[in-house]
Amino acid sequence: MKTLTISSVVLALANIGSTHPTPKKSTITDVDILQYALTLEHLEDKFYREGLANFTLKHFEEAGLDETFYKNLNEVSYDETTHVAFLTSALKAANATPVAECTYSFGVTSVASFIATAGILEGVGVSAYLGAAASIMNKDYLTAAGSILTVESRHSSYLRGAQKQSPFPQPFDAPLDFNEVYTLAAPFITSCPESNGKLPVKAFPMLALDPSITKVETNATITLDTKDDESNYGKHEFYAAWISVTGPTYVPAKWCGDKNKFETMVPPGFHGQSYVLITGTKDCMTDDCVVAGPAIVEVSGASGME
């Protein structure tokens, strides 16, 4: 099977569609969170249904994957479809109109890119549910979200193992907030029905690991590409904020204006599918401070193997 790097997939996806910031609400309700979760589940559901319609068992076998893997991937697809049905029912029970499936562009052209993208989506799904948990007020909804999160985590581990990555590279998963997840999801979305309305989230400028970097290790210097070309970036100090459950780790970031890139270092303690944003102020992750991101960076190795 042809090897694809996380950076090549994410940077390619960053060029699909466009991101449109939407107005922020002062508070996010449980119904908003359910709609947000359903939006993500629609995306995953369509991704698997479309991919499995395009690639048969023969395609998977030609890519070096066996029938067991193919059947398990169909089970993953079933899980995502069931999540959509469950969240749809929950919203109807709350007297809300569930958001409908959108139109997507996934940039998948081979079994290899299908598996690589699936791994990314599942990892983001885990971080999305983890990040939303603290905002859920209804305990029944929280339990349901936790139940989905654990299954998404199993999906993620299985797909990571299929790509010869550590299935569980860190002792803690990283939570992502609503805007961070939306920034990562928006490039997949081509358009949505007008009846869906707008989620109380916004998208930050895109950020991605430079595709020329094929392996990322702790303490390595990496380059992050941004599509947001701002001439005044060079007039300020910047920081790379690496997201973790205990709070972000900030390291200096250098704006390379002539290359439309940032350079920074990978701090210790991050492995697997990691997330980094560029901020204009140290120790600040509010909307006013975030410059771009998050970028997805696959850091090789595992915490217990250093």
Protein backbone atom coordinates (compact mmCIF):
# COMPACT_ATOMS: atom_id res chain seq x y z
CA MET A 1 0.00 0.00 0.00
CA LYS A 2 1.33 3.42 -0.93
CA THR A 3 2.31 5.46 2.11
CA LEU A 4 0.69 8.86 2.58
CA THR A 5 1.82 11.30 5.23
CA ILE A 6 -0.58 13.16 7.49
CA SER A 7 0.77 16.45 6.20
CA SER A 8 0.14 15.59 2.55
CA VAL A 9 -3.46 14.61 3.24
CA VAL A 10 -4.24 17.62 5.45
CA LEU A 11 -2.61 20.15 3.12
CA ALA A 12 -4.50 18.73 0.16
CA LEU A 13 -7.75 18.95 2.09
CA ALA A 14 -6.99 22.53 3.07
CA ASN A 15 -7.34 23.41 -0.61
CA ILE A 16 -10.81 21.89 -0.87
CA GLY A 17 -13.66 24.34 -0.51
CA SER A 18 -13.39 27.41 1.68
CA THR A 19 -13.99 28.39 5.28
CA HIS A 20 -16.58 30.97 6.19
CA PRO A 21 -16.56 32.34 9.75
CA THR A 22 -20.01 32.40 11.30
CA PRO A 23 -21.29 34.58 14.14
CA LYS A 24 -20.47 33.46 17.67
CA LYS A 25 -23.15 33.13 20.33
CA SER A 26 -22.46 34.20 23.87
CA THR A 27 -23.46 30.73 25.09
CA ILE A 28 -23.71 27.30 23.48
CA THR A 29 -26.72 25.20 24.47
CA ASP A 30 -27.03 21.44 24.62
CA VAL A 31 -29.09 21.57 21.42
CA ASP A 32 -26.27 23.51 19.73
CA ILE A 33 -23.83 20.80 20.82
CA LEU A 34 -26.09 18.05 19.50
CA GLN A 35 -26.34 19.87 16.16
CA TYR A 36 -22.57 20.31 16.14
CA ALA A 37 -22.07 16.60 16.86
CA LEU A 38 -24.59 15.63 14.17
CA THR A 39 -22.77 17.86 11.67
CA LEU A 40 -19.55 15.93 12.34
CA GLU A 41 -21.28 12.55 12.27
CA HIS A 42 -22.93 13.37 8.94
CA LEU A 43 -19.48 14.12 7.57
CA GLU A 44 -18.00 10.84 8.83
CA ASP A 45 -21.03 8.83 7.75
CA LYS A 46 -20.90 10.17 4.21
CA PHE A 47 -17.13 9.71 4.08
CA TYR A 48 -17.33 5.98 4.78
CA ARG A 49 -20.40 5.36 2.64
CA GLU A 50 -18.80 7.15 -0.30
CA GLY A 51 -15.41 5.49 0.15
CA LEU A 52 -16.81 1.98 0.49
CA ALA A 53 -18.96 2.56 -2.58
CA ASN A 54 -15.88 3.58 -4.57
CA PHE A 55 -13.47 0.91 -3.30
CA THR A 56 -14.35 -2.79 -3.32
CA LEU A 57 -12.77 -5.66 -1.40
CA LYS A 58 -10.54 -6.25 -4.44
CA HIS A 59 -9.22 -2.67 -4.21
CA PHE A 60 -8.37 -3.19 -0.54
CA GLU A 61 -6.65 -6.50 -1.25
CA GLU A 62 -4.61 -4.90 -4.02
CA ALA A 63 -3.55 -2.30 -1.45
CA GLY A 64 -2.30 -5.01 0.89
CA LEU A 65 -5.32 -5.13 3.22
CA ASP A 66 -7.29 -8.29 3.89
CA GLU A 67 -10.99 -9.16 3.98
CA THR A 68 -11.12 -8.86 7.77
CA PHE A 69 -10.00 -5.24 7.58
CA TYR A 70 -12.53 -4.54 4.83
CA LYS A 71 -15.35 -6.04 6.90
CA ASN A 72 -14.29 -4.10 9.98
CA LEU A 73 -14.29 -0.89 7.98
CA ASN A 74 -17.87 -1.64 6.96
CA GLU A 75 -18.63 -2.02 10.65
CA VAL A 76 -17.09 1.41 11.26
CA SER A 77 -19.36 2.80 8.55
CA TYR A 78 -22.37 1.17 10.25
CA ASP A 79 -21.36 2.79 13.55
CA GLU A 80 -21.26 6.26 11.99
CA THR A 81 -24.64 5.79 10.32
CA THR A 82 -26.06 4.68 13.66
CA HIS A 83 -24.57 7.74 15.38
CA VAL A 84 -26.36 9.95 12.84
CA ALA A 85 -29.67 8.21 13.51
CA PHE A 86 -29.21 8.45 17.28
CA LEU A 87 -28.37 12.17 17.30
CA THR A 88 -31.19 12.89 14.85
CA SER A 89 -33.66 11.20 17.21
CA ALA A 90 -32.26 13.05 20.21
CA LEU A 91 -32.72 16.42 18.49
CA LYS A 92 -36.27 15.59 17.45
CA ALA A 93 -37.02 14.57 21.03
CA ALA A 94 -35.72 18.00 22.09
CA ASN A 95 -38.15 19.64 19.61
CA ALA A 96 -35.30 20.78 17.38
CA THR A 97 -34.94 20.33 13.63
CA PRO A 98 -31.82 18.20 13.04
CA VAL A 99 -29.23 19.53 10.59
CA ALA A 100 -29.22 17.68 7.28
CA GLU A 101 -26.28 16.09 5.49
CA CYS A 102 -24.15 18.54 3.53
CA THR A 103 -22.26 18.15 0.27
CA TYR A 104 -18.64 17.15 0.78
CA SER A 105 -15.37 16.84 -1.07
CA PHE A 106 -12.89 14.51 0.63
CA GLY A 107 -10.05 14.47 -1.88
CA VAL A 108 -9.79 10.66 -1.69
CA THR A 109 -8.34 9.04 -4.81
CA SER A 110 -7.04 5.68 -3.54
CA VAL A 111 -7.45 3.14 -0.76
CA ALA A 112 -4.30 4.57 0.84
CA SER A 113 -5.68 8.11 0.95
CA PHE A 114 -9.05 6.76 2.12
CA ILE A 115 -7.43 5.03 5.13
CA ALA A 116 -5.17 8.00 5.90
CA THR A 117 -8.10 10.42 5.83
CA ALA A 118 -10.27 8.05 7.88
CA GLY A 119 -7.58 7.98 10.56
CA ILE A 120 -7.47 11.76 10.68
CA LEU A 121 -11.26 12.09 10.89
CA GLU A 122 -11.54 9.56 13.70
CA GLY A 123 -8.78 11.29 15.67
CA VAL A 124 -10.50 14.64 15.27
CA GLY A 125 -13.80 13.03 16.28
CA VAL A 126 -12.31 11.81 19.55
CA SER A 127 -10.91 15.25 20.33
CA ALA A 128 -14.18 16.93 19.35
CA TYR A 129 -16.32 14.90 21.74
CA LEU A 130 -13.71 15.24 24.47
CA GLY A 131 -13.60 19.01 24.05
CA ALA A 132 -17.40 19.37 24.00
CA ALA A 133 -17.97 17.28 27.13
CA ALA A 134 -17.37 20.11 29.60
CA SER A 135 -20.07 22.24 27.93
CA ILE A 136 -22.85 19.61 28.07
CA MET A 137 -25.33 20.33 30.85
CA ASN A 138 -27.75 17.39 30.48
CA LYS A 139 -26.25 14.29 32.11
CA ASP A 140 -28.06 11.95 29.73
CA TYR A 141 -26.56 13.77 26.76
CA LEU A 142 -23.14 13.65 28.41
CA THR A 143 -23.38 9.89 28.89
CA ALA A 144 -24.48 9.43 25.28
CA ALA A 145 -21.61 11.60 24.02
CA GLY A 146 -19.16 9.62 26.16
CA SER A 147 -20.51 6.39 24.68
CA ILE A 148 -19.91 7.66 21.15
CA LEU A 149 -16.46 8.99 22.11
CA THR A 150 -15.24 5.56 23.27
CA VAL A 151 -16.32 3.98 19.98
CA GLU A 152 -14.65 6.73 17.95
CA SER A 153 -11.49 6.08 19.96
CA ARG A 154 -11.63 2.38 19.02
CA HIS A 155 -12.01 3.37 15.38
CA SER A 156 -9.02 5.67 15.65
CA SER A 157 -6.79 3.04 17.25
CA TYR A 158 -7.75 0.43 14.66
CA LEU A 159 -7.00 2.73 11.74
CA ARG A 160 -3.73 3.88 13.28
CA GLY A 161 -2.65 0.27 13.66
CA ALA A 162 -3.48 -0.42 10.02
CA GLN A 163 -1.08 2.38 9.07
CA LYS A 164 1.71 0.99 11.26
CA GLN A 165 1.27 3.85 13.74
CA SER A 166 1.06 3.45 17.49
CA PRO A 167 -2.62 2.73 18.30
CA PHE A 168 -2.32 4.63 21.60
CA PRO A 169 0.70 6.97 21.43
CA GLN A 170 -0.19 9.09 24.49
CA PRO A 171 -1.74 8.47 27.93
CA PHE A 172 -4.25 11.33 27.32
CA ASP A 173 -6.18 12.46 24.27
CA ALA A 174 -6.20 16.16 23.37
CA PRO A 175 -9.52 18.07 23.60
CA LEU A 176 -10.43 20.49 20.82
CA ASP A 177 -12.93 23.31 21.24
CA PHE A 178 -15.80 24.04 18.86
CA ASN A 179 -13.94 26.56 16.70
CA GLU A 180 -10.85 24.37 16.44
CA VAL A 181 -12.86 21.38 15.27
CA TYR A 182 -14.86 23.49 12.83
CA THR A 183 -11.61 24.83 11.36
CA LEU A 184 -10.50 21.26 10.66
CA ALA A 185 -13.90 20.11 9.34
CA ALA A 186 -14.79 23.10 7.17
CA PRO A 187 -12.47 22.28 4.22
CA PHE A 188 -14.36 19.03 3.65
CA ILE A 189 -17.73 20.81 3.39
CA THR A 190 -18.64 22.15 -0.05
CA SER A 191 -22.12 23.40 0.82
CA CYS A 192 -24.99 22.76 3.22
CA PRO A 193 -28.77 23.11 2.93
CA GLU A 194 -29.98 26.59 3.84
CA SER A 195 -32.36 24.98 6.31
CA ASN A 196 -29.40 23.97 8.45
CA GLY A 197 -28.79 27.53 9.54
CA LYS A 198 -25.45 28.47 11.08
CA LEU A 199 -23.64 26.80 13.92
CA PRO A 200 -22.35 29.13 16.68
CA VAL A 201 -18.77 28.53 15.60
CA LYS A 202 -16.11 30.18 13.43
CA ALA A 203 -13.21 28.96 11.34
CA PHE A 204 -9.65 30.23 11.83
CA PRO A 205 -7.22 30.56 8.90
CA MET A 206 -5.96 27.19 7.73
CA LEU A 207 -2.65 25.82 8.95
CA ALA A 208 -0.90 22.62 7.84
CA LEU A 209 2.42 20.87 8.22
CA ASP A 210 4.65 21.54 5.22
CA PRO A 211 4.16 18.53 2.89
CA SER A 212 7.91 18.20 2.35
CA ILE A 213 8.22 17.02 5.96
CA THR A 214 7.65 13.26 6.03
CA LYS A 215 8.56 12.47 9.63
CA VAL A 216 8.17 14.58 12.77
CA GLU A 217 9.99 13.83 16.00
CA THR A 218 10.25 15.44 19.43
CA ASN A 219 12.50 18.55 19.48
CA ALA A 220 12.52 18.73 15.67
CA THR A 221 12.06 22.06 13.90
CA ILE A 222 9.01 21.98 11.64
CA THR A 223 7.46 24.34 9.11
CA LEU A 224 3.74 25.11 9.10
CA ASP A 225 2.05 26.50 5.99
CA THR A 226 -0.73 29.06 6.19
CA LYS A 227 -2.92 30.30 3.36
CA ASP A 228 -3.44 33.58 5.22
CA ASP A 229 -0.75 35.92 3.81
CA GLU A 230 -0.50 38.82 6.24
CA SER A 231 2.39 41.23 5.74
CA ASN A 232 2.23 42.47 9.34
CA TYR A 233 2.90 39.02 10.79
CA GLY A 234 6.61 39.76 10.79
CA LYS A 235 6.10 42.71 13.15
CA HIS A 236 5.02 40.59 16.11
CA GLU A 237 6.14 37.73 18.30
CA PHE A 238 4.34 34.46 17.71
CA TYR A 239 3.95 31.20 19.57
CA ALA A 240 2.99 27.68 18.63
CA ALA A 241 0.40 26.39 21.09
CA TRP A 242 0.41 22.59 21.29
CA ILE A 243 -2.91 21.38 22.68
CA SER A 244 -3.14 18.90 25.56
CA VAL A 245 -5.66 17.99 28.25
CA THR A 246 -3.58 19.83 30.88
CA GLY A 247 -3.46 23.00 28.79
CA PRO A 248 -1.41 24.19 25.83
CA THR A 249 2.37 24.10 25.68
CA TYR A 250 3.74 27.30 24.14
CA VAL A 251 6.96 27.43 22.15
CA PRO A 252 8.26 30.35 20.05
CA ALA A 253 7.24 30.47 16.40
CA LYS A 254 8.96 32.45 13.65
CA TRP A 255 7.00 34.00 10.79
CA CYS A 256 8.77 33.47 7.46
CA GLY A 257 6.97 36.16 5.49
CA ASP A 258 8.64 35.47 2.17
CA LYS A 259 7.54 31.84 2.34
CA ASN A 260 4.11 32.35 3.90
CA LYS A 261 5.13 29.92 6.65
CA PHE A 262 5.86 29.61 10.36
CA GLU A 263 8.79 27.71 11.83
CA THR A 264 8.62 26.21 15.31
CA MET A 265 9.77 23.28 17.43
CA VAL A 266 7.99 20.12 18.57
CA PRO A 267 8.06 20.17 22.38
CA PRO A 268 8.47 17.00 24.47
CA GLY A 269 5.34 15.15 25.55
CA PHE A 270 3.47 15.06 22.24
CA HIS A 271 3.03 11.94 20.13
CA GLY A 272 0.56 10.63 17.60
CA GLN A 273 -2.07 12.90 16.04
CA SER A 274 -1.27 16.22 17.69
CA TYR A 275 -2.70 19.71 17.21
CA VAL A 276 -0.89 23.04 17.10
CA LEU A 277 -2.14 26.60 16.63
CA ILE A 278 -0.25 29.82 16.04
CA THR A 279 -1.08 32.57 18.53
CA GLY A 280 -0.04 36.18 18.72
CA THR A 281 0.25 36.17 22.51
CA LYS A 282 1.84 33.69 24.86
CA ASP A 283 -0.57 32.01 27.28
CA CYS A 284 -3.58 33.14 25.25
CA MET A 285 -5.89 30.90 23.21
CA THR A 286 -8.92 33.16 22.80
CA ASP A 287 -10.31 34.03 19.37
CA ASP A 288 -8.49 37.36 19.47
CA CYS A 289 -5.14 35.67 20.01
CA VAL A 290 -5.33 32.77 17.54
CA VAL A 291 -3.64 33.58 14.24
CA ALA A 292 -4.13 30.26 12.42
CA GLY A 293 -4.82 26.60 12.96
CA PRO A 294 -5.01 24.12 14.33
CA ALA A 295 -2.69 22.10 12.15
CA ILE A 296 -2.62 18.32 12.51
CA VAL A 297 0.89 17.03 13.12
CA GLU A 298 1.63 13.31 13.41
CA VAL A 299 4.51 13.04 15.88
CA SER A 300 6.29 9.70 15.60
CA GLY A 301 6.87 7.42 18.55
CA ALA A 302 4.88 6.97 21.73
CA SER A 303 5.18 8.53 25.18
CA GLY A 304 6.12 5.30 26.94
CA MET A 305 8.81 4.40 24.40
CA GLU A 306 11.05 7.47 24.71
